[in-house]
Protein backbone atom coordinates (compact mmCIF):
# COMPACT_ATOMS: atom_id res chain seq x y z
CA MET A 1 -43.94 -65.46 -65.94
CA GLU A 2 -42.01 -68.62 -65.20
CA GLN A 3 -38.75 -66.78 -66.04
CA LEU A 4 -39.52 -64.36 -63.17
CA SER A 5 -39.78 -67.14 -60.68
CA ASP A 6 -36.52 -68.60 -61.86
CA TRP A 7 -34.94 -65.29 -60.93
CA SER A 8 -36.63 -64.89 -57.60
CA ILE A 9 -34.57 -64.23 -54.66
CA ASN A 10 -34.89 -66.28 -51.47
CA VAL A 11 -35.43 -63.67 -48.81
CA GLY A 12 -34.25 -66.00 -46.06
CA VAL A 13 -30.93 -66.72 -47.75
CA VAL A 14 -30.24 -62.99 -48.38
CA ALA A 15 -31.46 -61.79 -44.85
CA TYR A 16 -29.74 -64.56 -42.87
CA GLY A 17 -26.60 -64.44 -45.00
CA LEU A 18 -26.32 -60.68 -44.44
CA ALA A 19 -26.83 -61.05 -40.76
CA ALA A 20 -24.08 -63.73 -40.67
CA LEU A 21 -21.73 -61.47 -42.50
CA ALA A 22 -22.59 -58.46 -40.35
CA TYR A 23 -21.92 -60.53 -37.11
CA LEU A 24 -18.75 -61.91 -38.55
CA GLY A 25 -17.61 -58.29 -39.16
CA PHE A 26 -18.58 -57.43 -35.50
CA ALA A 27 -16.70 -60.45 -34.29
CA VAL A 28 -13.50 -59.50 -36.22
CA LEU A 29 -13.67 -55.92 -35.06
CA LEU A 30 -14.27 -57.03 -31.53
CA ALA A 31 -11.49 -59.63 -31.56
CA THR A 32 -8.98 -57.09 -32.85
CA SER A 33 -9.90 -54.39 -30.29
CA TRP A 34 -10.83 -56.34 -27.23
CA ARG A 35 -9.08 -55.27 -24.05
CA GLY A 36 -9.72 -58.36 -22.07
CA ARG A 37 -12.77 -57.17 -19.98
CA LEU A 38 -15.68 -59.55 -19.45
CA GLN A 39 -18.25 -57.45 -21.24
CA GLY A 40 -16.07 -57.44 -24.40
CA GLY A 41 -15.64 -61.23 -24.15
CA LEU A 42 -19.39 -61.72 -23.64
CA PHE A 43 -20.08 -59.40 -26.68
CA LEU A 44 -17.64 -61.29 -28.87
CA ALA A 45 -19.00 -64.79 -27.84
CA ALA A 46 -22.46 -63.73 -28.44
CA CYS A 47 -21.59 -62.21 -31.94
CA ILE A 48 -19.98 -65.49 -32.86
CA VAL A 49 -22.86 -67.59 -31.79
CA THR A 50 -25.34 -65.27 -33.56
CA MET A 51 -23.20 -65.46 -36.56
CA LEU A 52 -23.21 -69.24 -36.48
CA TRP A 53 -27.06 -69.36 -35.88
CA ALA A 54 -27.65 -66.94 -38.87
CA ALA A 55 -25.20 -68.87 -41.19
CA LEU A 56 -26.89 -72.22 -40.40
CA LEU A 57 -30.28 -70.65 -41.11
CA ALA A 58 -28.97 -69.33 -44.52
CA PHE A 59 -27.56 -72.67 -45.24
CA GLU A 60 -30.93 -74.29 -44.50
CA ALA A 61 -32.69 -71.88 -46.71
CA VAL A 62 -30.28 -72.60 -49.58
CA TYR A 63 -30.27 -76.36 -49.43
CA ASP A 64 -33.66 -76.87 -47.91
CA TYR A 65 -32.12 -79.21 -45.48
CA PRO A 66 -33.62 -79.02 -41.86
CA PHE A 67 -31.22 -78.35 -39.04
CA SER A 68 -33.97 -77.83 -36.47
CA LEU A 69 -32.17 -79.04 -33.43
CA PRO A 70 -28.85 -77.40 -33.98
CA ILE A 71 -30.69 -74.17 -34.94
CA PHE A 72 -32.83 -74.16 -31.84
CA LEU A 73 -29.82 -75.05 -29.47
CA LEU A 74 -27.76 -72.22 -31.18
CA LYS A 75 -30.62 -69.85 -30.68
CA ILE A 76 -30.88 -70.87 -27.00
CA ALA A 77 -27.09 -70.34 -26.60
CA ARG A 78 -27.33 -66.99 -28.44
CA ASP A 79 -30.10 -65.78 -26.17
CA GLY A 80 -28.31 -67.02 -23.11
CA LEU A 81 -25.10 -65.19 -24.12
CA TRP A 82 -27.04 -61.96 -24.87
CA PHE A 83 -28.88 -62.31 -21.53
CA TRP A 84 -25.38 -62.72 -19.61
CA PHE A 85 -24.06 -59.58 -21.56
CA LEU A 86 -27.12 -57.60 -20.62
CA LEU A 87 -27.00 -58.62 -16.99
CA ARG A 88 -23.29 -57.54 -16.90
CA LEU A 89 -24.23 -54.18 -18.34
CA LEU A 90 -26.91 -53.85 -15.72
CA THR A 91 -24.41 -54.38 -12.83
CA PRO A 92 -23.83 -51.13 -10.75
CA ALA A 93 -20.89 -49.15 -11.91
CA SER A 94 -19.02 -49.96 -8.61
CA ASP A 95 -19.19 -53.70 -9.37
CA GLN A 96 -18.04 -53.58 -13.00
CA GLU A 97 -14.42 -54.53 -12.12
CA GLY A 98 -15.44 -57.63 -10.26
CA VAL A 99 -15.94 -60.62 -12.69
CA TRP A 100 -18.68 -62.37 -10.47
CA ARG A 101 -19.82 -59.48 -8.28
CA LEU A 102 -23.52 -59.09 -9.22
CA SER A 103 -26.17 -58.09 -6.89
CA ALA A 104 -28.25 -60.72 -5.33
CA ARG A 105 -31.23 -59.92 -7.43
CA LEU A 106 -29.25 -60.07 -10.70
CA ARG A 107 -27.64 -63.30 -9.62
CA GLY A 108 -31.33 -64.80 -9.16
CA ILE A 109 -32.31 -63.50 -12.52
CA GLY A 110 -29.25 -64.83 -14.16
CA ALA A 111 -29.72 -68.33 -12.63
CA LEU A 112 -33.38 -68.35 -13.56
CA LEU A 113 -32.53 -67.45 -17.24
CA LEU A 114 -29.90 -70.11 -17.30
CA LEU A 115 -32.44 -72.58 -15.80
CA LEU A 116 -35.00 -71.53 -18.58
CA CYS A 117 -32.42 -71.95 -21.39
CA GLY A 118 -31.38 -75.33 -19.95
CA VAL A 119 -34.92 -76.51 -19.75
CA LEU A 120 -35.71 -75.37 -23.15
CA ALA A 121 -32.68 -77.19 -24.55
CA LEU A 122 -33.84 -80.32 -22.71
CA ILE A 123 -37.32 -80.09 -24.21
CA HIS A 124 -35.86 -79.75 -27.75
CA GLY A 125 -33.82 -82.70 -27.15
CA ILE A 126 -36.79 -84.69 -26.02
CA GLU A 127 -38.80 -83.53 -28.91
CA TRP A 128 -36.13 -84.42 -31.26
CA TYR A 129 -35.87 -88.00 -30.15
CA TRP A 130 -39.59 -88.55 -29.43
CA PRO A 131 -41.63 -86.21 -31.83
CA LYS A 132 -44.82 -84.91 -30.40
CA SER A 133 -44.42 -86.45 -27.14
CA LEU A 134 -44.69 -83.29 -25.04
CA VAL A 135 -47.26 -81.83 -27.39
CA ALA A 136 -49.44 -84.69 -26.89
CA LEU A 137 -48.98 -84.78 -23.07
CA MET A 138 -49.24 -80.93 -22.57
CA GLY A 139 -51.88 -80.04 -25.12
CA PHE A 140 -49.61 -77.18 -26.55
CA ASP A 141 -46.28 -76.68 -27.84
CA LEU A 142 -43.95 -76.14 -24.90
CA ARG A 143 -41.09 -75.14 -27.11
CA LEU A 144 -43.05 -72.24 -28.68
CA ALA A 145 -43.93 -71.07 -25.11
CA GLY A 146 -40.24 -71.30 -24.07
CA HIS A 147 -38.93 -69.29 -27.06
CA LEU A 148 -41.73 -66.72 -26.49
CA GLY A 149 -40.61 -66.44 -22.90
CA LEU A 150 -36.92 -65.98 -23.93
CA ALA A 151 -37.88 -63.08 -26.38
CA ILE A 152 -40.09 -61.32 -23.86
CA THR A 153 -37.23 -61.69 -21.25
CA GLY A 154 -34.76 -60.32 -23.63
CA LEU A 155 -37.01 -57.31 -24.36
CA ALA A 156 -37.42 -56.85 -20.67
CA LEU A 157 -33.74 -56.75 -20.15
CA VAL A 158 -33.11 -54.22 -22.93
CA GLU A 159 -35.79 -52.08 -21.52
CA GLN A 160 -34.14 -52.26 -18.08
CA LEU A 161 -30.67 -51.34 -19.50
CA PHE A 162 -32.12 -48.35 -21.37
CA ARG A 163 -34.25 -47.16 -18.23
CA ASN A 164 -31.35 -47.62 -15.76
CA THR A 165 -28.89 -45.89 -17.84
CA HIS A 166 -28.03 -42.26 -16.76
CA PRO A 167 -30.24 -39.98 -19.16
CA GLN A 168 -26.98 -38.25 -20.31
CA GLN A 169 -25.42 -41.56 -21.28
CA ARG A 170 -28.49 -42.95 -23.13
CA TRP A 171 -27.32 -41.76 -26.55
CA ALA A 172 -24.32 -44.14 -26.20
CA ILE A 173 -26.42 -47.25 -25.88
CA LYS A 174 -29.37 -46.38 -28.15
CA TYR A 175 -28.09 -48.36 -31.06
CA LEU A 176 -27.29 -51.38 -28.84
CA CYS A 177 -30.84 -51.31 -27.38
CA LEU A 178 -32.52 -50.94 -30.78
CA GLY A 179 -30.41 -53.76 -32.23
CA LEU A 180 -31.05 -56.11 -29.43
CA GLY A 181 -34.55 -55.13 -29.03
CA GLY A 182 -35.13 -55.68 -32.58
CA GLY A 183 -33.36 -59.16 -32.54
CA PHE A 184 -35.46 -60.28 -29.65
CA ALA A 185 -38.73 -58.85 -31.16
C-alpha cells in the first residue's frame, strides 16, 4: 500500500500545470495573430497573467512553498483584466472602435471593479504584514468576502455578455462564456 502512495499524483500540480500550459498556448496563438485591437490586447494580457497565476500555483504545489501574497495579487490582476475584457465586449457595437468610449454605466461599473480590486489588494498587503489584524477587527475574513465578490461579479459579467449578445451570434461566444464562467465559478 505504501508503494501506491509513492506513485500518487498531486492533482494540484497536474491541474495548474495543464492550465498554465493551455494559457501559454493561448498567449502564443494570440500574440502571433493579434491585429492591434484593444480586445485582443486585453485578451492576451489576461491569458499571460492567468498563465503566471496557474504556473505559480503549480510551483507551490510541487515544492510546498507558500506564495500566498503573489498568488493573491496575481489573482486580483487576473480578475481585473478579465473584467476589463468583458466590459469591452459589452460595449455597444457603434463604440467598438473607440478605445475609451464606454457608456457611462459601464465606466461606472469598471471604476467600481477597479476600486474593488485595489481595495482587495490593499487588504492582502495589510494581512501579509500584520497577520490576523483585519480578521480580529472585523470578526470575519474580509479577503474571502472580497474574492467571493470578485467571483460573483465575474459570473454576472459573463451572464450579461451572453444575454446581451444577439441570439444569432451567441454560438460564437458560447465557449468563451463557458470557459470564463467556469473560471469564475
